[in-house]
Amino acid sequence: MRLVYLLFGSFSLLLGLAGVFLPLLPTVPFVILAAFCFARGHPPLEAWLLRHPAFGPHISAWRKRGAIGRKAKRAALAAFALSAALGLLLLPMPLSLTPAAAALVGGRWVWIRPE
């Protein structure tokens, strides 16, 4: 089972790193998921993530309070709005309402998280 957590954590970390370069792919949620997996599959990698200057504070805030920072909230809400707008412009009805509905549900959840 440790190998499964290690593989899933590595894949999640790769997705998070891709999110640094791809504007609509989130980074921090994948890094938080990687830390969760590494805690069960490879604790030294979890410790490395917790000490990382960019990711460590986000992981700690999430674990302690379920918190999302203000800057991250703004970025997530902007990405939700952009994907909803693109869906409304580029997809046929009623399929175009799917990204808007997902943005409303996801955006509300992000909005109500503590900072």
N, C-alpha and C. Protein backbone atom coordinates (compact mmCIF):
# COMPACT_ATOMS: atom_id res chain seq x y z
N MET A 1 0.83 -1.20 0.00
CA MET A 1 0.00 0.00 0.00
C MET A 1 0.87 1.27 0.00
N ARG A 2 2.04 1.16 0.66
CA ARG A 2 2.95 2.31 0.69
C ARG A 2 3.37 2.71 -0.72
N LEU A 3 3.57 1.71 -1.58
CA LEU A 3 3.97 2.00 -2.95
C LEU A 3 2.87 2.75 -3.70
N VAL A 4 1.61 2.38 -3.46
CA VAL A 4 0.49 3.07 -4.10
C VAL A 4 0.45 4.53 -3.66
N TYR A 5 0.62 4.78 -2.36
CA TYR A 5 0.65 6.17 -1.87
C TYR A 5 1.82 6.94 -2.45
N LEU A 6 2.97 6.28 -2.55
CA LEU A 6 4.15 6.94 -3.12
C LEU A 6 3.92 7.30 -4.58
N LEU A 7 3.37 6.37 -5.35
CA LEU A 7 3.10 6.64 -6.76
C LEU A 7 2.05 7.73 -6.94
N PHE A 8 0.97 7.65 -6.16
CA PHE A 8 -0.09 8.65 -6.28
C PHE A 8 0.41 10.02 -5.83
N GLY A 9 1.23 10.05 -4.78
CA GLY A 9 1.82 11.31 -4.32
C GLY A 9 2.75 11.90 -5.37
N SER A 10 3.53 11.06 -6.01
CA SER A 10 4.45 11.54 -7.05
C SER A 10 3.66 12.10 -8.24
N PHE A 11 2.61 11.40 -8.64
CA PHE A 11 1.78 11.87 -9.75
C PHE A 11 1.12 13.20 -9.39
N SER A 12 0.63 13.30 -8.17
CA SER A 12 -0.01 14.53 -7.72
C SER A 12 0.98 15.69 -7.69
N LEU A 13 2.19 15.41 -7.24
CA LEU A 13 3.22 16.45 -7.21
C LEU A 13 3.58 16.90 -8.63
N LEU A 14 3.64 15.97 -9.56
CA LEU A 14 3.90 16.33 -10.96
C LEU A 14 2.79 17.21 -11.52
N LEU A 15 1.55 16.87 -11.20
CA LEU A 15 0.43 17.72 -11.64
C LEU A 15 0.53 19.12 -11.02
N GLY A 16 0.90 19.17 -9.75
CA GLY A 16 1.07 20.46 -9.09
C GLY A 16 2.18 21.28 -9.74
N LEU A 17 3.28 20.64 -10.09
CA LEU A 17 4.37 21.35 -10.75
C LEU A 17 3.96 21.81 -12.14
N ALA A 18 3.16 21.02 -12.84
CA ALA A 18 2.65 21.45 -14.14
C ALA A 18 1.76 22.68 -13.98
N GLY A 19 1.05 22.75 -12.85
CA GLY A 19 0.18 23.90 -12.58
C GLY A 19 0.94 25.21 -12.44
N VAL A 20 2.22 25.13 -12.15
CA VAL A 20 3.03 26.35 -12.08
C VAL A 20 3.10 27.00 -13.46
N PHE A 21 3.09 26.17 -14.51
CA PHE A 21 3.27 26.67 -15.87
C PHE A 21 1.97 26.75 -16.67
N LEU A 22 0.96 25.99 -16.26
CA LEU A 22 -0.33 25.99 -16.97
C LEU A 22 -1.33 26.80 -16.17
N PRO A 23 -1.85 27.88 -16.74
CA PRO A 23 -2.64 28.83 -15.95
C PRO A 23 -3.92 28.30 -15.32
N LEU A 24 -4.60 27.34 -15.92
CA LEU A 24 -5.87 26.88 -15.35
C LEU A 24 -5.72 25.63 -14.49
N LEU A 25 -4.52 25.08 -14.39
CA LEU A 25 -4.30 23.90 -13.56
C LEU A 25 -3.81 24.37 -12.18
N PRO A 26 -4.54 24.02 -11.11
CA PRO A 26 -4.13 24.49 -9.78
C PRO A 26 -2.86 23.80 -9.31
N THR A 27 -2.08 24.50 -8.52
CA THR A 27 -0.84 23.95 -7.99
C THR A 27 -1.01 23.45 -6.56
N VAL A 28 -1.46 24.33 -5.69
CA VAL A 28 -1.47 24.03 -4.25
C VAL A 28 -2.34 22.82 -3.90
N PRO A 29 -3.55 22.65 -4.46
CA PRO A 29 -4.33 21.46 -4.08
C PRO A 29 -3.61 20.14 -4.40
N PHE A 30 -2.90 20.10 -5.52
CA PHE A 30 -2.17 18.89 -5.86
C PHE A 30 -0.97 18.67 -4.93
N VAL A 31 -0.34 19.75 -4.50
CA VAL A 31 0.79 19.62 -3.57
C VAL A 31 0.28 19.18 -2.19
N ILE A 32 -0.87 19.69 -1.77
CA ILE A 32 -1.46 19.24 -0.50
C ILE A 32 -1.81 17.76 -0.57
N LEU A 33 -2.37 17.33 -1.70
CA LEU A 33 -2.68 15.91 -1.89
C LEU A 33 -1.40 15.09 -1.89
N ALA A 34 -0.35 15.58 -2.51
CA ALA A 34 0.94 14.87 -2.52
C ALA A 34 1.46 14.72 -1.09
N ALA A 35 1.36 15.77 -0.28
CA ALA A 35 1.82 15.68 1.11
C ALA A 35 1.02 14.62 1.87
N PHE A 36 -0.28 14.58 1.64
CA PHE A 36 -1.13 13.57 2.28
C PHE A 36 -0.65 12.17 1.90
N CYS A 37 -0.41 11.95 0.62
CA CYS A 37 0.03 10.63 0.16
C CYS A 37 1.43 10.29 0.67
N PHE A 38 2.33 11.26 0.62
CA PHE A 38 3.69 11.01 1.09
C PHE A 38 3.72 10.73 2.60
N ALA A 39 2.80 11.29 3.36
CA ALA A 39 2.75 11.02 4.80
C ALA A 39 2.51 9.53 5.04
N ARG A 40 1.83 8.88 4.13
CA ARG A 40 1.52 7.46 4.28
C ARG A 40 2.47 6.56 3.48
N GLY A 41 3.11 7.13 2.44
CA GLY A 41 3.95 6.31 1.58
C GLY A 41 5.44 6.56 1.70
N HIS A 42 5.82 7.79 2.01
CA HIS A 42 7.25 8.12 2.11
C HIS A 42 7.41 9.38 2.96
N PRO A 43 7.44 9.25 4.29
CA PRO A 43 7.50 10.41 5.19
C PRO A 43 8.64 11.40 4.92
N PRO A 44 9.82 10.97 4.44
CA PRO A 44 10.84 11.98 4.14
C PRO A 44 10.41 12.96 3.04
N LEU A 45 9.65 12.50 2.06
CA LEU A 45 9.15 13.42 1.03
C LEU A 45 8.10 14.37 1.61
N GLU A 46 7.27 13.87 2.52
CA GLU A 46 6.31 14.74 3.19
C GLU A 46 7.05 15.83 3.97
N ALA A 47 8.10 15.43 4.69
CA ALA A 47 8.88 16.41 5.47
C ALA A 47 9.52 17.45 4.55
N TRP A 48 9.99 17.01 3.39
CA TRP A 48 10.57 17.96 2.43
C TRP A 48 9.52 18.97 1.97
N LEU A 49 8.31 18.49 1.67
CA LEU A 49 7.24 19.41 1.24
C LEU A 49 6.88 20.39 2.36
N LEU A 50 6.83 19.90 3.59
CA LEU A 50 6.48 20.77 4.71
C LEU A 50 7.55 21.85 4.96
N ARG A 51 8.79 21.54 4.65
CA ARG A 51 9.87 22.52 4.81
C ARG A 51 10.03 23.43 3.59
N HIS A 52 9.38 23.09 2.49
CA HIS A 52 9.53 23.87 1.27
C HIS A 52 9.01 25.29 1.49
N PRO A 53 9.79 26.32 1.10
CA PRO A 53 9.36 27.70 1.39
C PRO A 53 8.08 28.12 0.67
N ALA A 54 7.81 27.58 -0.50
CA ALA A 54 6.61 27.98 -1.24
C ALA A 54 5.39 27.14 -0.86
N PHE A 55 5.58 25.85 -0.65
CA PHE A 55 4.45 24.96 -0.42
C PHE A 55 4.17 24.67 1.04
N GLY A 56 5.19 24.68 1.87
CA GLY A 56 5.04 24.33 3.28
C GLY A 56 3.97 25.12 4.02
N PRO A 57 3.97 26.47 3.89
CA PRO A 57 2.94 27.24 4.60
C PRO A 57 1.51 26.92 4.16
N HIS A 58 1.32 26.64 2.87
CA HIS A 58 -0.02 26.30 2.38
C HIS A 58 -0.48 24.96 2.95
N ILE A 59 0.43 24.00 2.98
CA ILE A 59 0.09 22.68 3.51
C ILE A 59 -0.24 22.78 4.99
N SER A 60 0.57 23.50 5.74
CA SER A 60 0.33 23.65 7.18
C SER A 60 -0.98 24.37 7.47
N ALA A 61 -1.27 25.43 6.72
CA ALA A 61 -2.54 26.16 6.92
C ALA A 61 -3.73 25.27 6.62
N TRP A 62 -3.62 24.47 5.58
CA TRP A 62 -4.73 23.58 5.24
C TRP A 62 -4.92 22.53 6.33
N ARG A 63 -3.83 21.96 6.82
CA ARG A 63 -3.94 20.91 7.83
C ARG A 63 -4.45 21.45 9.16
N LYS A 64 -4.06 22.65 9.53
CA LYS A 64 -4.45 23.20 10.83
C LYS A 64 -5.87 23.75 10.83
N ARG A 65 -6.24 24.49 9.77
CA ARG A 65 -7.51 25.21 9.79
C ARG A 65 -8.38 25.00 8.56
N GLY A 66 -7.93 24.18 7.61
CA GLY A 66 -8.66 24.05 6.36
C GLY A 66 -8.66 25.36 5.61
N ALA A 67 -7.58 26.13 5.76
CA ALA A 67 -7.53 27.50 5.25
C ALA A 67 -6.92 27.57 3.86
N ILE A 68 -7.41 28.54 3.09
CA ILE A 68 -6.87 28.87 1.78
C ILE A 68 -6.52 30.35 1.84
N GLY A 69 -5.30 30.70 1.48
CA GLY A 69 -4.86 32.09 1.52
C GLY A 69 -5.64 32.99 0.57
N ARG A 70 -5.66 34.26 0.88
CA ARG A 70 -6.41 35.23 0.08
C ARG A 70 -5.95 35.26 -1.38
N LYS A 71 -4.64 35.24 -1.59
CA LYS A 71 -4.11 35.26 -2.96
C LYS A 71 -4.53 34.01 -3.73
N ALA A 72 -4.48 32.86 -3.06
CA ALA A 72 -4.89 31.61 -3.70
C ALA A 72 -6.38 31.61 -3.99
N LYS A 73 -7.17 32.18 -3.09
CA LYS A 73 -8.61 32.28 -3.33
C LYS A 73 -8.89 33.13 -4.57
N ARG A 74 -8.21 34.27 -4.66
CA ARG A 74 -8.41 35.14 -5.83
C ARG A 74 -8.05 34.41 -7.12
N ALA A 75 -6.93 33.71 -7.10
CA ALA A 75 -6.50 32.98 -8.30
C ALA A 75 -7.50 31.89 -8.67
N ALA A 76 -7.99 31.16 -7.67
CA ALA A 76 -8.96 30.10 -7.94
C ALA A 76 -10.26 30.67 -8.48
N LEU A 77 -10.74 31.75 -7.88
CA LEU A 77 -11.99 32.34 -8.34
C LEU A 77 -11.85 32.93 -9.75
N ALA A 78 -10.69 33.50 -10.04
CA ALA A 78 -10.46 34.02 -11.40
C ALA A 78 -10.44 32.88 -12.41
N ALA A 79 -9.81 31.76 -12.05
CA ALA A 79 -9.78 30.60 -12.95
C ALA A 79 -11.18 30.04 -13.15
N PHE A 80 -11.98 29.98 -12.08
CA PHE A 80 -13.36 29.52 -12.21
C PHE A 80 -14.14 30.44 -13.14
N ALA A 81 -13.99 31.73 -12.97
CA ALA A 81 -14.73 32.69 -13.80
C ALA A 81 -14.31 32.57 -15.26
N LEU A 82 -13.01 32.44 -15.51
CA LEU A 82 -12.53 32.31 -16.88
C LEU A 82 -13.05 31.04 -17.53
N SER A 83 -13.01 29.89 -16.80
CA SER A 83 -13.51 28.67 -17.41
C SER A 83 -15.01 28.72 -17.63
N ALA A 84 -15.75 29.36 -16.74
CA ALA A 84 -17.20 29.49 -16.94
C ALA A 84 -17.48 30.36 -18.17
N ALA A 85 -16.76 31.45 -18.30
CA ALA A 85 -16.96 32.33 -19.45
C ALA A 85 -16.60 31.62 -20.76
N LEU A 86 -15.49 30.90 -20.77
CA LEU A 86 -15.11 30.16 -21.98
C LEU A 86 -16.14 29.10 -22.32
N GLY A 87 -16.64 28.41 -21.30
CA GLY A 87 -17.68 27.42 -21.54
C GLY A 87 -18.93 28.03 -22.14
N LEU A 88 -19.34 29.18 -21.62
CA LEU A 88 -20.53 29.85 -22.14
C LEU A 88 -20.32 30.32 -23.58
N LEU A 89 -19.11 30.72 -23.91
CA LEU A 89 -18.82 31.23 -25.25
C LEU A 89 -18.59 30.12 -26.28
N LEU A 90 -17.96 29.03 -25.87
CA LEU A 90 -17.49 28.06 -26.84
C LEU A 90 -18.29 26.76 -26.93
N LEU A 91 -19.08 26.46 -25.93
CA LEU A 91 -19.82 25.20 -25.93
C LEU A 91 -21.27 25.44 -26.31
N PRO A 92 -21.90 24.43 -26.92
CA PRO A 92 -23.32 24.57 -27.26
C PRO A 92 -24.19 24.41 -26.02
N MET A 93 -25.37 25.02 -26.06
CA MET A 93 -26.33 24.88 -24.97
C MET A 93 -26.86 23.46 -24.97
N PRO A 94 -27.19 22.83 -23.92
CA PRO A 94 -27.07 23.21 -22.53
C PRO A 94 -25.71 22.84 -21.93
N LEU A 95 -24.83 22.23 -22.75
CA LEU A 95 -23.51 21.83 -22.26
C LEU A 95 -22.71 23.01 -21.73
N SER A 96 -22.96 24.20 -22.28
CA SER A 96 -22.21 25.38 -21.86
C SER A 96 -22.50 25.78 -20.41
N LEU A 97 -23.59 25.28 -19.85
CA LEU A 97 -23.92 25.61 -18.46
C LEU A 97 -23.13 24.77 -17.46
N THR A 98 -22.53 23.68 -17.91
CA THR A 98 -21.78 22.80 -17.00
C THR A 98 -20.60 23.51 -16.34
N PRO A 99 -19.71 24.19 -17.12
CA PRO A 99 -18.61 24.90 -16.45
C PRO A 99 -19.10 26.00 -15.51
N ALA A 100 -20.18 26.67 -15.88
CA ALA A 100 -20.72 27.73 -15.01
C ALA A 100 -21.22 27.13 -13.70
N ALA A 101 -21.92 26.00 -13.78
CA ALA A 101 -22.42 25.35 -12.56
C ALA A 101 -21.25 24.88 -11.69
N ALA A 102 -20.24 24.28 -12.32
CA ALA A 102 -19.07 23.83 -11.56
C ALA A 102 -18.36 25.01 -10.92
N ALA A 103 -18.27 26.13 -11.64
CA ALA A 103 -17.62 27.32 -11.10
C ALA A 103 -18.39 27.87 -9.90
N LEU A 104 -19.72 27.84 -9.97
CA LEU A 104 -20.51 28.33 -8.85
C LEU A 104 -20.34 27.45 -7.61
N VAL A 105 -20.38 26.15 -7.81
CA VAL A 105 -20.23 25.23 -6.67
C VAL A 105 -18.81 25.31 -6.11
N GLY A 106 -17.81 25.17 -6.99
CA GLY A 106 -16.42 25.21 -6.53
C GLY A 106 -16.04 26.57 -5.97
N GLY A 107 -16.50 27.63 -6.62
CA GLY A 107 -16.19 28.98 -6.16
C GLY A 107 -16.78 29.27 -4.80
N ARG A 108 -17.99 28.81 -4.57
CA ARG A 108 -18.61 29.02 -3.26
C ARG A 108 -17.81 28.30 -2.18
N TRP A 109 -17.40 27.06 -2.47
CA TRP A 109 -16.64 26.30 -1.49
C TRP A 109 -15.32 27.00 -1.17
N VAL A 110 -14.62 27.49 -2.19
CA VAL A 110 -13.36 28.21 -1.97
C VAL A 110 -13.62 29.49 -1.17
N TRP A 111 -14.66 30.20 -1.51
CA TRP A 111 -14.98 31.47 -0.86
C TRP A 111 -15.22 31.32 0.64
N ILE A 112 -15.87 30.23 1.06
CA ILE A 112 -16.23 30.08 2.48
C ILE A 112 -15.11 29.46 3.32
N ARG A 113 -14.01 29.04 2.71
CA ARG A 113 -12.88 28.52 3.48
C ARG A 113 -12.24 29.65 4.28
N PRO A 114 -11.75 29.36 5.47
CA PRO A 114 -11.05 30.40 6.24
C PRO A 114 -9.74 30.79 5.55
N GLU A 115 -9.25 32.00 5.90
CA GLU A 115 -7.99 32.48 5.32
C GLU A 115 -6.86 32.32 6.31
